[in-house]
Amino acid sequence: MHMLEVIYKGIIIGIIVSAPMGPIGILCVQRTLNRGRLHGLASGLGAMVSDLIYASITLIGLGFMDDLLKDNQLLIQVIGSIVIILFGVALFYTNPLKVMKPTINSIDTRYKHDFVTAFFLTLSNAAIIFLFISLYARFQYNPLERNWFTFVVGMLSIGVGALAWWFFITTYVSKLKRYFSRQSLKFFNRVVGIILILLGILGTLGATVFDI
């Protein structure tokens, strides 16, 4: 795996993991609307650090199963692609408005508080490991197979992708909050869901038909 491939695939994975509007996405949007963009960005940064912990744990764990992965590369890629399709379908039909609760004004509006609460909220969702496994399989992403330096570059690339997403969403919500509709959250989820479904379909076809 070339370094450029490690970087751009890592960025894509970071964006995909961060983009779904689940509880942490809703929290980030709420804080941006009620407290300002930097508070939303601090929340996104906390989520990014938590995601990087799971991304590292998952990749290191898969590294111990290197022979198994190589022997069953086709099967694992197909299974990973199918999981991504199912995740995309579930995301498409998820209504983020159901988990969006009215914000209770808090005395503690420090950035540290935003970071820490978002970090632990994301860390409590260990199921993200399965999404990382599926994405690693779909993109055949294993920077650890070269050396530890490439592994670090890969993790930083995932972090860059995640941070880029949080920067985009907080800027978007902050700039357009006068016109911001909560229905926009459903639109984001549907767009991301469609992208995941297409990625999964391409991954399945690529592994079984086109051998890519």
N, C-alpha and C. Protein backbone atom coordinates (compact mmCIF):
# COMPACT_ATOMS: atom_id res chain seq x y z
N MET A 1 0.85 -1.19 0.00
CA MET A 1 0.00 0.00 0.00
C MET A 1 0.89 1.24 0.00
N HIS A 2 0.77 2.07 -1.05
CA HIS A 2 1.57 3.28 -1.16
C HIS A 2 1.10 4.33 -0.16
N MET A 3 2.01 5.24 0.19
CA MET A 3 1.71 6.25 1.20
C MET A 3 0.53 7.13 0.79
N LEU A 4 0.47 7.50 -0.49
CA LEU A 4 -0.65 8.34 -0.96
C LEU A 4 -1.97 7.61 -0.80
N GLU A 5 -1.96 6.30 -1.04
CA GLU A 5 -3.16 5.49 -0.89
C GLU A 5 -3.57 5.41 0.58
N VAL A 6 -2.58 5.28 1.46
CA VAL A 6 -2.85 5.26 2.90
C VAL A 6 -3.53 6.55 3.33
N ILE A 7 -3.06 7.67 2.79
CA ILE A 7 -3.57 8.98 3.20
C ILE A 7 -4.98 9.21 2.70
N TYR A 8 -5.20 9.03 1.39
CA TYR A 8 -6.53 9.39 0.87
C TYR A 8 -7.61 8.40 1.32
N LYS A 9 -7.26 7.12 1.45
CA LYS A 9 -8.24 6.17 1.96
C LYS A 9 -8.54 6.43 3.44
N GLY A 10 -7.52 6.81 4.19
CA GLY A 10 -7.73 7.13 5.60
C GLY A 10 -8.66 8.33 5.77
N ILE A 11 -8.48 9.34 4.94
CA ILE A 11 -9.34 10.53 5.00
C ILE A 11 -10.79 10.16 4.68
N ILE A 12 -10.97 9.32 3.66
CA ILE A 12 -12.33 8.89 3.28
C ILE A 12 -12.98 8.12 4.43
N ILE A 13 -12.24 7.21 5.05
CA ILE A 13 -12.76 6.43 6.18
C ILE A 13 -13.14 7.35 7.34
N GLY A 14 -12.30 8.34 7.62
CA GLY A 14 -12.58 9.28 8.70
C GLY A 14 -13.86 10.06 8.46
N ILE A 15 -14.10 10.47 7.22
CA ILE A 15 -15.32 11.20 6.88
C ILE A 15 -16.54 10.30 7.02
N ILE A 16 -16.45 9.08 6.50
CA ILE A 16 -17.59 8.17 6.53
C ILE A 16 -17.99 7.82 7.96
N VAL A 17 -17.00 7.60 8.82
CA VAL A 17 -17.30 7.25 10.22
C VAL A 17 -17.97 8.41 10.96
N SER A 18 -17.58 9.64 10.63
CA SER A 18 -18.08 10.81 11.35
C SER A 18 -19.40 11.34 10.81
N ALA A 19 -19.68 11.12 9.54
CA ALA A 19 -20.80 11.80 8.87
C ALA A 19 -22.20 11.42 9.36
N PRO A 20 -22.49 10.16 9.71
CA PRO A 20 -23.87 9.83 10.14
C PRO A 20 -24.34 10.70 11.29
N MET A 21 -25.59 11.17 11.19
CA MET A 21 -26.14 12.03 12.22
C MET A 21 -26.78 11.20 13.34
N GLY A 22 -25.92 10.61 14.16
CA GLY A 22 -26.39 9.90 15.34
C GLY A 22 -26.37 10.83 16.53
N PRO A 23 -26.36 10.28 17.75
CA PRO A 23 -26.38 11.12 18.96
C PRO A 23 -25.25 12.15 19.01
N ILE A 24 -24.03 11.75 18.62
CA ILE A 24 -22.91 12.69 18.70
C ILE A 24 -23.05 13.79 17.65
N GLY A 25 -23.56 13.45 16.48
CA GLY A 25 -23.79 14.46 15.44
C GLY A 25 -24.85 15.47 15.88
N ILE A 26 -25.91 14.95 16.49
CA ILE A 26 -26.97 15.82 16.99
C ILE A 26 -26.44 16.74 18.08
N LEU A 27 -25.62 16.18 18.98
CA LEU A 27 -25.03 16.97 20.06
C LEU A 27 -24.17 18.10 19.49
N CYS A 28 -23.39 17.77 18.49
CA CYS A 28 -22.52 18.76 17.85
C CYS A 28 -23.34 19.88 17.22
N VAL A 29 -24.42 19.52 16.53
CA VAL A 29 -25.29 20.51 15.89
C VAL A 29 -25.97 21.39 16.95
N GLN A 30 -26.48 20.76 18.01
CA GLN A 30 -27.15 21.51 19.07
C GLN A 30 -26.22 22.54 19.71
N ARG A 31 -25.00 22.12 19.99
CA ARG A 31 -24.06 23.04 20.63
C ARG A 31 -23.65 24.16 19.68
N THR A 32 -23.56 23.85 18.40
CA THR A 32 -23.24 24.89 17.42
C THR A 32 -24.36 25.92 17.35
N LEU A 33 -25.60 25.44 17.35
CA LEU A 33 -26.75 26.34 17.27
C LEU A 33 -26.91 27.18 18.53
N ASN A 34 -26.66 26.58 19.69
CA ASN A 34 -26.95 27.25 20.95
C ASN A 34 -25.76 27.98 21.57
N ARG A 35 -24.55 27.52 21.28
CA ARG A 35 -23.38 28.11 21.92
C ARG A 35 -22.39 28.73 20.95
N GLY A 36 -22.42 28.27 19.68
CA GLY A 36 -21.47 28.79 18.70
C GLY A 36 -20.65 27.69 18.06
N ARG A 37 -20.01 28.01 16.94
CA ARG A 37 -19.31 27.01 16.13
C ARG A 37 -18.16 26.35 16.88
N LEU A 38 -17.41 27.13 17.68
CA LEU A 38 -16.25 26.56 18.36
C LEU A 38 -16.66 25.50 19.39
N HIS A 39 -17.82 25.68 20.00
CA HIS A 39 -18.30 24.66 20.94
C HIS A 39 -18.68 23.37 20.20
N GLY A 40 -19.29 23.54 19.03
CA GLY A 40 -19.60 22.37 18.21
C GLY A 40 -18.34 21.68 17.73
N LEU A 41 -17.34 22.48 17.34
CA LEU A 41 -16.08 21.92 16.87
C LEU A 41 -15.33 21.21 17.98
N ALA A 42 -15.39 21.75 19.20
CA ALA A 42 -14.75 21.08 20.34
C ALA A 42 -15.40 19.73 20.60
N SER A 43 -16.72 19.66 20.42
CA SER A 43 -17.44 18.39 20.58
C SER A 43 -17.00 17.41 19.49
N GLY A 44 -16.88 17.89 18.26
CA GLY A 44 -16.43 17.04 17.16
C GLY A 44 -15.02 16.54 17.37
N LEU A 45 -14.17 17.38 17.96
CA LEU A 45 -12.79 16.97 18.24
C LEU A 45 -12.76 15.85 19.28
N GLY A 46 -13.63 15.94 20.28
CA GLY A 46 -13.70 14.87 21.27
C GLY A 46 -14.14 13.56 20.64
N ALA A 47 -15.11 13.64 19.73
CA ALA A 47 -15.57 12.44 19.03
C ALA A 47 -14.46 11.87 18.15
N MET A 48 -13.70 12.75 17.51
CA MET A 48 -12.61 12.30 16.64
C MET A 48 -11.54 11.52 17.42
N VAL A 49 -11.16 12.02 18.59
CA VAL A 49 -10.14 11.33 19.40
C VAL A 49 -10.64 9.95 19.82
N SER A 50 -11.90 9.87 20.20
CA SER A 50 -12.48 8.58 20.58
C SER A 50 -12.49 7.62 19.39
N ASP A 51 -12.88 8.13 18.22
CA ASP A 51 -12.89 7.29 17.01
C ASP A 51 -11.49 6.78 16.67
N LEU A 52 -10.48 7.63 16.88
CA LEU A 52 -9.11 7.21 16.59
C LEU A 52 -8.66 6.08 17.52
N ILE A 53 -9.13 6.12 18.75
CA ILE A 53 -8.80 5.02 19.68
C ILE A 53 -9.36 3.71 19.15
N TYR A 54 -10.63 3.73 18.74
CA TYR A 54 -11.24 2.52 18.20
C TYR A 54 -10.63 2.12 16.87
N ALA A 55 -10.28 3.12 16.04
CA ALA A 55 -9.65 2.82 14.75
C ALA A 55 -8.32 2.11 14.96
N SER A 56 -7.54 2.56 15.94
CA SER A 56 -6.24 1.96 16.23
C SER A 56 -6.39 0.55 16.80
N ILE A 57 -7.30 0.42 17.77
CA ILE A 57 -7.52 -0.90 18.38
C ILE A 57 -7.96 -1.92 17.33
N THR A 58 -8.86 -1.50 16.46
CA THR A 58 -9.37 -2.40 15.43
C THR A 58 -8.27 -2.83 14.47
N LEU A 59 -7.46 -1.87 14.02
CA LEU A 59 -6.41 -2.19 13.06
C LEU A 59 -5.33 -3.07 13.67
N ILE A 60 -4.95 -2.78 14.91
CA ILE A 60 -3.94 -3.61 15.58
C ILE A 60 -4.49 -5.02 15.80
N GLY A 61 -5.75 -5.11 16.18
CA GLY A 61 -6.37 -6.43 16.36
C GLY A 61 -6.39 -7.23 15.07
N LEU A 62 -6.71 -6.56 13.97
CA LEU A 62 -6.71 -7.24 12.68
C LEU A 62 -5.30 -7.65 12.27
N GLY A 63 -4.30 -6.89 12.75
CA GLY A 63 -2.92 -7.23 12.42
C GLY A 63 -2.50 -8.58 12.96
N PHE A 64 -3.09 -8.99 14.08
CA PHE A 64 -2.78 -10.30 14.66
C PHE A 64 -3.43 -11.44 13.87
N MET A 65 -4.35 -11.08 12.99
CA MET A 65 -5.03 -12.09 12.18
C MET A 65 -4.65 -11.95 10.71
N ASP A 66 -3.41 -11.48 10.49
CA ASP A 66 -2.96 -11.17 9.13
C ASP A 66 -3.09 -12.36 8.19
N ASP A 67 -2.64 -13.54 8.62
CA ASP A 67 -2.70 -14.73 7.75
C ASP A 67 -4.15 -15.10 7.43
N LEU A 68 -5.00 -15.03 8.45
CA LEU A 68 -6.42 -15.34 8.24
C LEU A 68 -7.05 -14.38 7.24
N LEU A 69 -6.71 -13.10 7.35
CA LEU A 69 -7.27 -12.10 6.45
C LEU A 69 -6.80 -12.32 5.01
N LYS A 70 -5.53 -12.65 4.86
CA LYS A 70 -4.99 -12.88 3.51
C LYS A 70 -5.61 -14.12 2.88
N ASP A 71 -5.82 -15.17 3.66
CA ASP A 71 -6.37 -16.41 3.13
C ASP A 71 -7.85 -16.27 2.77
N ASN A 72 -8.53 -15.34 3.41
CA ASN A 72 -9.97 -15.17 3.17
C ASN A 72 -10.31 -13.74 2.73
N GLN A 73 -9.39 -13.13 1.98
CA GLN A 73 -9.54 -11.72 1.62
C GLN A 73 -10.83 -11.46 0.85
N LEU A 74 -11.15 -12.33 -0.12
CA LEU A 74 -12.35 -12.14 -0.93
C LEU A 74 -13.62 -12.21 -0.07
N LEU A 75 -13.71 -13.25 0.77
CA LEU A 75 -14.88 -13.42 1.62
C LEU A 75 -15.05 -12.25 2.58
N ILE A 76 -13.94 -11.82 3.18
CA ILE A 76 -14.00 -10.73 4.15
C ILE A 76 -14.42 -9.43 3.48
N GLN A 77 -13.93 -9.19 2.26
CA GLN A 77 -14.31 -7.97 1.55
C GLN A 77 -15.80 -7.97 1.21
N VAL A 78 -16.31 -9.14 0.79
CA VAL A 78 -17.73 -9.24 0.47
C VAL A 78 -18.58 -9.02 1.71
N ILE A 79 -18.21 -9.68 2.82
CA ILE A 79 -18.97 -9.52 4.06
C ILE A 79 -18.92 -8.07 4.53
N GLY A 80 -17.73 -7.47 4.47
CA GLY A 80 -17.59 -6.08 4.86
C GLY A 80 -18.45 -5.15 4.01
N SER A 81 -18.51 -5.42 2.71
CA SER A 81 -19.32 -4.60 1.80
C SER A 81 -20.81 -4.75 2.10
N ILE A 82 -21.23 -5.97 2.42
CA ILE A 82 -22.64 -6.20 2.75
C ILE A 82 -23.02 -5.48 4.05
N VAL A 83 -22.12 -5.51 5.03
CA VAL A 83 -22.37 -4.81 6.29
C VAL A 83 -22.52 -3.30 6.04
N ILE A 84 -21.68 -2.75 5.16
CA ILE A 84 -21.76 -1.33 4.83
C ILE A 84 -23.10 -1.02 4.16
N ILE A 85 -23.56 -1.91 3.27
CA ILE A 85 -24.86 -1.72 2.62
C ILE A 85 -25.98 -1.68 3.66
N LEU A 86 -25.95 -2.65 4.59
CA LEU A 86 -26.98 -2.70 5.63
C LEU A 86 -26.94 -1.46 6.53
N PHE A 87 -25.73 -1.02 6.84
CA PHE A 87 -25.58 0.18 7.65
C PHE A 87 -26.14 1.39 6.91
N GLY A 88 -25.87 1.46 5.61
CA GLY A 88 -26.38 2.56 4.78
C GLY A 88 -27.89 2.57 4.71
N VAL A 89 -28.50 1.39 4.56
CA VAL A 89 -29.97 1.29 4.51
C VAL A 89 -30.57 1.73 5.84
N ALA A 90 -29.99 1.25 6.95
CA ALA A 90 -30.49 1.63 8.28
C ALA A 90 -30.37 3.13 8.49
N LEU A 91 -29.26 3.70 8.04
CA LEU A 91 -29.03 5.13 8.19
C LEU A 91 -30.02 5.93 7.36
N PHE A 92 -30.32 5.45 6.16
CA PHE A 92 -31.24 6.14 5.25
C PHE A 92 -32.62 6.29 5.90
N TYR A 93 -33.05 5.26 6.62
CA TYR A 93 -34.40 5.27 7.21
C TYR A 93 -34.41 5.77 8.66
N THR A 94 -33.23 6.14 9.20
CA THR A 94 -33.18 6.65 10.57
C THR A 94 -33.67 8.10 10.61
N ASN A 95 -34.49 8.39 11.59
CA ASN A 95 -34.98 9.76 11.77
C ASN A 95 -34.21 10.41 12.92
N PRO A 96 -33.23 11.26 12.61
CA PRO A 96 -32.42 11.86 13.68
C PRO A 96 -33.21 12.80 14.58
N LEU A 97 -34.37 13.25 14.11
CA LEU A 97 -35.18 14.18 14.91
C LEU A 97 -35.70 13.51 16.18
N LYS A 98 -35.80 12.18 16.17
CA LYS A 98 -36.31 11.47 17.34
C LYS A 98 -35.34 11.51 18.51
N VAL A 99 -34.05 11.65 18.19
CA VAL A 99 -33.06 11.68 19.27
C VAL A 99 -32.61 13.10 19.58
N MET A 100 -33.19 14.06 18.87
CA MET A 100 -32.82 15.46 19.12
C MET A 100 -33.69 16.02 20.22
N LYS A 101 -33.11 16.30 21.36
CA LYS A 101 -33.85 16.78 22.52
C LYS A 101 -33.61 18.27 22.72
N PRO A 102 -34.56 18.93 23.32
CA PRO A 102 -34.34 20.35 23.63
C PRO A 102 -33.10 20.52 24.50
N THR A 103 -32.32 21.53 24.19
CA THR A 103 -31.11 21.77 24.95
C THR A 103 -31.41 22.50 26.25
N ILE A 104 -30.91 21.97 27.34
CA ILE A 104 -31.06 22.63 28.63
C ILE A 104 -29.84 23.50 28.87
N ASN A 105 -30.05 24.77 29.09
CA ASN A 105 -28.93 25.67 29.30
C ASN A 105 -28.11 25.22 30.50
N SER A 106 -26.82 25.16 30.29
CA SER A 106 -25.92 24.72 31.35
C SER A 106 -24.97 25.84 31.72
N ILE A 107 -24.61 25.91 32.99
CA ILE A 107 -23.66 26.93 33.42
C ILE A 107 -22.29 26.63 32.82
N ASP A 108 -21.96 25.35 32.72
CA ASP A 108 -20.65 24.95 32.23
C ASP A 108 -20.66 24.93 30.71
N THR A 109 -20.11 25.97 30.10
CA THR A 109 -20.06 26.04 28.63
C THR A 109 -18.62 26.07 28.15
N ARG A 110 -17.72 25.55 28.94
CA ARG A 110 -16.31 25.54 28.55
C ARG A 110 -16.06 24.53 27.44
N TYR A 111 -15.05 24.83 26.64
CA TYR A 111 -14.69 23.94 25.54
C TYR A 111 -14.23 22.58 26.06
N LYS A 112 -13.54 22.59 27.20
CA LYS A 112 -13.07 21.33 27.79
C LYS A 112 -14.26 20.42 28.10
N HIS A 113 -15.32 21.00 28.63
CA HIS A 113 -16.52 20.23 28.94
C HIS A 113 -17.13 19.65 27.67
N ASP A 114 -17.17 20.44 26.60
CA ASP A 114 -17.70 19.97 25.32
C ASP A 114 -16.88 18.80 24.79
N PHE A 115 -15.56 18.94 24.87
CA PHE A 115 -14.66 17.90 24.38
C PHE A 115 -14.83 16.60 25.16
N VAL A 116 -14.80 16.70 26.48
CA VAL A 116 -14.83 15.51 27.34
C VAL A 116 -16.16 14.76 27.21
N THR A 117 -17.27 15.50 27.23
CA THR A 117 -18.57 14.83 27.14
C THR A 117 -18.76 14.13 25.79
N ALA A 118 -18.31 14.79 24.71
CA ALA A 118 -18.42 14.18 23.39
C ALA A 118 -17.49 12.96 23.27
N PHE A 119 -16.32 13.06 23.89
CA PHE A 119 -15.36 11.95 23.87
C PHE A 119 -15.97 10.70 24.51
N PHE A 120 -16.52 10.86 25.71
CA PHE A 120 -17.05 9.69 26.43
C PHE A 120 -18.36 9.18 25.81
N LEU A 121 -19.14 10.08 25.22
CA LEU A 121 -20.35 9.64 24.53
C LEU A 121 -19.99 8.75 23.34
N THR A 122 -18.98 9.17 22.59
CA THR A 122 -18.53 8.37 21.44
C THR A 122 -17.86 7.09 21.90
N LEU A 123 -17.07 7.17 22.97
CA LEU A 123 -16.36 5.99 23.48
C LEU A 123 -17.32 4.93 23.99
N SER A 124 -18.51 5.34 24.40
CA SER A 124 -19.49 4.38 24.91
C SER A 124 -20.10 3.52 23.81
N ASN A 125 -19.86 3.92 22.55
CA ASN A 125 -20.42 3.17 21.42
C ASN A 125 -19.35 2.26 20.81
N ALA A 126 -19.10 1.14 21.48
CA ALA A 126 -18.07 0.20 21.00
C ALA A 126 -18.45 -0.47 19.69
N ALA A 127 -19.72 -0.39 19.29
CA ALA A 127 -20.16 -1.01 18.04
C ALA A 127 -19.49 -0.39 16.83
N ILE A 128 -18.86 0.79 17.02
CA ILE A 128 -18.17 1.45 15.92
C ILE A 128 -17.04 0.58 15.38
N ILE A 129 -16.57 -0.35 16.21
CA ILE A 129 -15.51 -1.27 15.79
C ILE A 129 -15.95 -2.06 14.56
N PHE A 130 -17.22 -2.49 14.53
CA PHE A 130 -17.70 -3.28 13.40
C PHE A 130 -17.73 -2.44 12.12
N LEU A 131 -18.02 -1.16 12.24
CA LEU A 131 -17.99 -0.29 11.07
C LEU A 131 -16.56 -0.13 10.57
N PHE A 132 -15.62 0.02 11.50
CA PHE A 132 -14.21 0.13 11.09
C PHE A 132 -13.75 -1.15 10.40
N ILE A 133 -14.12 -2.29 10.94
CA ILE A 133 -13.74 -3.57 10.31
C ILE A 133 -14.28 -3.64 8.89
N SER A 134 -15.54 -3.24 8.71
CA SER A 134 -16.17 -3.28 7.39
C SER A 134 -15.49 -2.31 6.42
N LEU A 135 -15.16 -1.12 6.89
CA LEU A 135 -14.51 -0.14 6.02
C LEU A 135 -13.08 -0.56 5.68
N TYR A 136 -12.37 -1.12 6.65
CA TYR A 136 -11.02 -1.61 6.37
C TYR A 136 -11.06 -2.71 5.31
N ALA A 137 -12.07 -3.57 5.42
CA ALA A 137 -12.21 -4.65 4.44
C ALA A 137 -12.61 -4.10 3.08
N ARG A 138 -13.55 -3.17 3.07
CA ARG A 138 -14.03 -2.60 1.81
C ARG A 138 -12.90 -1.90 1.05
N PHE A 139 -12.09 -1.12 1.75
CA PHE A 139 -11.02 -0.35 1.11
C PHE A 139 -9.68 -1.08 1.11
N GLN A 140 -9.69 -2.33 1.63
CA GLN A 140 -8.46 -3.10 1.76
C GLN A 140 -7.38 -2.24 2.42
N TYR A 141 -7.74 -1.72 3.56
CA TYR A 141 -6.92 -0.72 4.24
C TYR A 141 -6.19 -1.34 5.42
N ASN A 142 -4.88 -1.46 5.29
CA ASN A 142 -4.08 -2.01 6.38
C ASN A 142 -2.68 -1.39 6.36
N PRO A 143 -2.56 -0.12 6.76
CA PRO A 143 -1.25 0.53 6.75
C PRO A 143 -0.25 -0.12 7.70
N LEU A 144 -0.75 -0.91 8.64
CA LEU A 144 0.14 -1.54 9.60
C LEU A 144 0.98 -2.64 8.96
N GLU A 145 0.58 -3.11 7.78
CA GLU A 145 1.32 -4.20 7.14
C GLU A 145 2.70 -3.75 6.67
N ARG A 146 2.90 -2.43 6.51
CA ARG A 146 4.21 -1.93 6.10
C ARG A 146 5.11 -1.70 7.32
N ASN A 147 4.75 -0.75 8.13
CA ASN A 147 5.52 -0.46 9.35
C ASN A 147 4.69 0.44 10.25
N TRP A 148 5.24 0.73 11.43
CA TRP A 148 4.51 1.53 12.41
C TRP A 148 4.38 2.98 11.98
N PHE A 149 5.34 3.47 11.20
CA PHE A 149 5.24 4.85 10.71
C PHE A 149 4.03 5.00 9.79
N THR A 150 3.84 4.03 8.89
CA THR A 150 2.69 4.05 8.00
C THR A 150 1.39 3.94 8.78
N PHE A 151 1.43 3.14 9.85
CA PHE A 151 0.25 3.01 10.71
C PHE A 151 -0.12 4.37 11.31
N VAL A 152 0.89 5.10 11.82
CA VAL A 152 0.64 6.41 12.41
C VAL A 152 0.08 7.37 11.36
N VAL A 153 0.66 7.33 10.15
CA VAL A 153 0.16 8.18 9.07
C VAL A 153 -1.29 7.84 8.75
N GLY A 154 -1.60 6.54 8.75
CA GLY A 154 -2.97 6.10 8.47
C GLY A 154 -3.95 6.61 9.51
N MET A 155 -3.58 6.51 10.78
CA MET A 155 -4.46 6.98 11.85
C MET A 155 -4.63 8.50 11.80
N LEU A 156 -3.53 9.21 11.52
CA LEU A 156 -3.62 10.67 11.38
C LEU A 156 -4.52 11.06 10.20
N SER A 157 -4.47 10.27 9.13
CA SER A 157 -5.30 10.54 7.97
C SER A 157 -6.79 10.37 8.30
N ILE A 158 -7.09 9.32 9.07
CA ILE A 158 -8.48 9.13 9.53
C ILE A 158 -8.91 10.32 10.39
N GLY A 159 -7.99 10.77 11.25
CA GLY A 159 -8.28 11.93 12.09
C GLY A 159 -8.52 13.18 11.27
N VAL A 160 -7.74 13.38 10.22
CA VAL A 160 -7.91 14.54 9.34
C VAL A 160 -9.28 14.50 8.65
N GLY A 161 -9.66 13.30 8.18
CA GLY A 161 -10.97 13.16 7.54
C GLY A 161 -12.10 13.47 8.51
N ALA A 162 -12.00 12.95 9.74
CA ALA A 162 -13.03 13.20 10.75
C ALA A 162 -13.11 14.68 11.09
N LEU A 163 -11.94 15.28 11.31
CA LEU A 163 -11.91 16.70 11.68
C LEU A 163 -12.44 17.58 10.54
N ALA A 164 -12.13 17.19 9.30
CA ALA A 164 -12.64 17.94 8.14
C ALA A 164 -14.16 17.92 8.12
N TRP A 165 -14.73 16.74 8.45
CA TRP A 165 -16.20 16.65 8.48
C TRP A 165 -16.78 17.55 9.56
N TRP A 166 -16.22 17.50 10.78
CA TRP A 166 -16.75 18.32 11.87
C TRP A 166 -16.58 19.80 11.59
N PHE A 167 -15.49 20.16 10.93
CA PHE A 167 -15.29 21.56 10.56
C PHE A 167 -16.35 21.99 9.55
N PHE A 168 -16.63 21.11 8.58
CA PHE A 168 -17.65 21.42 7.57
C PHE A 168 -19.04 21.57 8.18
N ILE A 169 -19.45 20.60 9.00
CA ILE A 169 -20.82 20.60 9.51
C ILE A 169 -21.04 21.75 10.49
N THR A 170 -20.04 22.08 11.32
CA THR A 170 -20.21 23.19 12.25
C THR A 170 -20.22 24.53 11.52
N THR A 171 -19.41 24.64 10.48
CA THR A 171 -19.40 25.87 9.68
C THR A 171 -20.72 26.04 8.94
N TYR A 172 -21.20 24.94 8.38
CA TYR A 172 -22.47 24.97 7.64
C TYR A 172 -23.62 25.39 8.56
N VAL A 173 -23.70 24.75 9.72
CA VAL A 173 -24.80 25.05 10.66
C VAL A 173 -24.68 26.48 11.18
N SER A 174 -23.44 26.92 11.49
CA SER A 174 -23.23 28.26 12.03
C SER A 174 -23.56 29.34 11.02
N LYS A 175 -23.13 29.16 9.78
CA LYS A 175 -23.36 30.17 8.74
C LYS A 175 -24.82 30.27 8.34
N LEU A 176 -25.49 29.13 8.36
CA LEU A 176 -26.86 29.10 7.85
C LEU A 176 -27.89 28.84 8.95
N LYS A 177 -27.55 29.13 10.19
CA LYS A 177 -28.46 28.76 11.26
C LYS A 177 -29.79 29.52 11.21
N ARG A 178 -29.79 30.69 10.60
CA ARG A 178 -31.06 31.40 10.42
C ARG A 178 -32.02 30.62 9.53
N TYR A 179 -31.42 29.91 8.58
CA TYR A 179 -32.23 29.16 7.62
C TYR A 179 -32.18 27.67 7.90
N PHE A 180 -31.48 27.30 8.98
CA PHE A 180 -31.26 25.88 9.26
C PHE A 180 -32.56 25.20 9.68
N SER A 181 -32.85 24.13 9.02
CA SER A 181 -34.03 23.34 9.34
C SER A 181 -33.58 22.00 9.90
N ARG A 182 -34.29 21.53 10.90
CA ARG A 182 -33.95 20.22 11.46
C ARG A 182 -34.14 19.12 10.43
N GLN A 183 -34.94 19.41 9.40
CA GLN A 183 -35.10 18.44 8.33
C GLN A 183 -33.78 18.22 7.58
N SER A 184 -32.87 19.21 7.70
CA SER A 184 -31.57 19.07 7.05
C SER A 184 -30.81 17.86 7.58
N LEU A 185 -31.06 17.51 8.86
CA LEU A 185 -30.40 16.35 9.45
C LEU A 185 -30.83 15.07 8.75
N LYS A 186 -32.12 14.99 8.43
CA LYS A 186 -32.62 13.82 7.71
C LYS A 186 -31.99 13.76 6.32
N PHE A 187 -31.84 14.92 5.69
CA PHE A 187 -31.22 14.99 4.37
C PHE A 187 -29.78 14.47 4.43
N PHE A 188 -29.01 14.92 5.44
CA PHE A 188 -27.63 14.46 5.59
C PHE A 188 -27.58 12.95 5.75
N ASN A 189 -28.43 12.41 6.60
CA ASN A 189 -28.43 10.97 6.83
C ASN A 189 -28.75 10.20 5.55
N ARG A 190 -29.69 10.71 4.77
CA ARG A 190 -30.07 10.01 3.54
C ARG A 190 -28.96 10.06 2.50
N VAL A 191 -28.29 11.20 2.41
CA VAL A 191 -27.17 11.32 1.47
C VAL A 191 -26.05 10.36 1.86
N VAL A 192 -25.69 10.37 3.15
CA VAL A 192 -24.62 9.48 3.63
C VAL A 192 -25.05 8.02 3.47
N GLY A 193 -26.32 7.72 3.75
CA GLY A 193 -26.83 6.36 3.58
C GLY A 193 -26.69 5.88 2.15
N ILE A 194 -27.05 6.73 1.19
CA ILE A 194 -26.93 6.38 -0.22
C ILE A 194 -25.48 6.15 -0.61
N ILE A 195 -24.59 7.02 -0.12
CA ILE A 195 -23.16 6.86 -0.43
C ILE A 195 -22.64 5.53 0.10
N LEU A 196 -23.03 5.17 1.34
CA LEU A 196 -22.58 3.90 1.92
C LEU A 196 -23.13 2.70 1.14
N ILE A 197 -24.39 2.80 0.72
CA ILE A 197 -25.00 1.71 -0.07
C ILE A 197 -24.23 1.52 -1.37
N LEU A 198 -23.91 2.63 -2.04
CA LEU A 198 -23.18 2.55 -3.31
C LEU A 198 -21.77 2.00 -3.09
N LEU A 199 -21.11 2.43 -2.01
CA LEU A 199 -19.78 1.90 -1.71
C LEU A 199 -19.83 0.39 -1.47
N GLY A 200 -20.86 -0.04 -0.72
CA GLY A 200 -21.01 -1.46 -0.45
C GLY A 200 -21.27 -2.26 -1.71
N ILE A 201 -22.13 -1.73 -2.58
CA ILE A 201 -22.44 -2.43 -3.85
C ILE A 201 -21.20 -2.52 -4.72
N LEU A 202 -20.47 -1.40 -4.83
CA LEU A 202 -19.24 -1.41 -5.64
C LEU A 202 -18.21 -2.37 -5.06
N GLY A 203 -18.14 -2.42 -3.72
CA GLY A 203 -17.21 -3.35 -3.08
C GLY A 203 -17.55 -4.80 -3.36
N THR A 204 -18.84 -5.11 -3.30
CA THR A 204 -19.29 -6.48 -3.56
C THR A 204 -19.03 -6.87 -5.02
N LEU A 205 -19.38 -5.97 -5.94
CA LEU A 205 -19.15 -6.24 -7.37
C LEU A 205 -17.67 -6.31 -7.67
N GLY A 206 -16.91 -5.42 -7.04
CA GLY A 206 -15.48 -5.41 -7.28
C GLY A 206 -14.80 -6.70 -6.84
N ALA A 207 -15.28 -7.28 -5.74
CA ALA A 207 -14.67 -8.50 -5.22
C ALA A 207 -15.13 -9.74 -5.96
N THR A 208 -16.39 -9.73 -6.43
CA THR A 208 -16.95 -10.97 -7.01
C THR A 208 -17.00 -10.98 -8.54
N VAL A 209 -17.08 -9.79 -9.13
CA VAL A 209 -17.25 -9.74 -10.58
C VAL A 209 -16.02 -9.18 -11.29
N PHE A 210 -15.59 -7.98 -10.83
CA PHE A 210 -14.51 -7.30 -11.54
C PHE A 210 -13.13 -7.56 -10.94
N ASP A 211 -13.11 -8.21 -9.76
CA ASP A 211 -11.85 -8.58 -9.11
C ASP A 211 -10.96 -7.36 -8.90
N ILE A 212 -11.53 -6.31 -8.23
CA ILE A 212 -10.74 -5.11 -7.94
C ILE A 212 -10.75 -4.85 -6.44
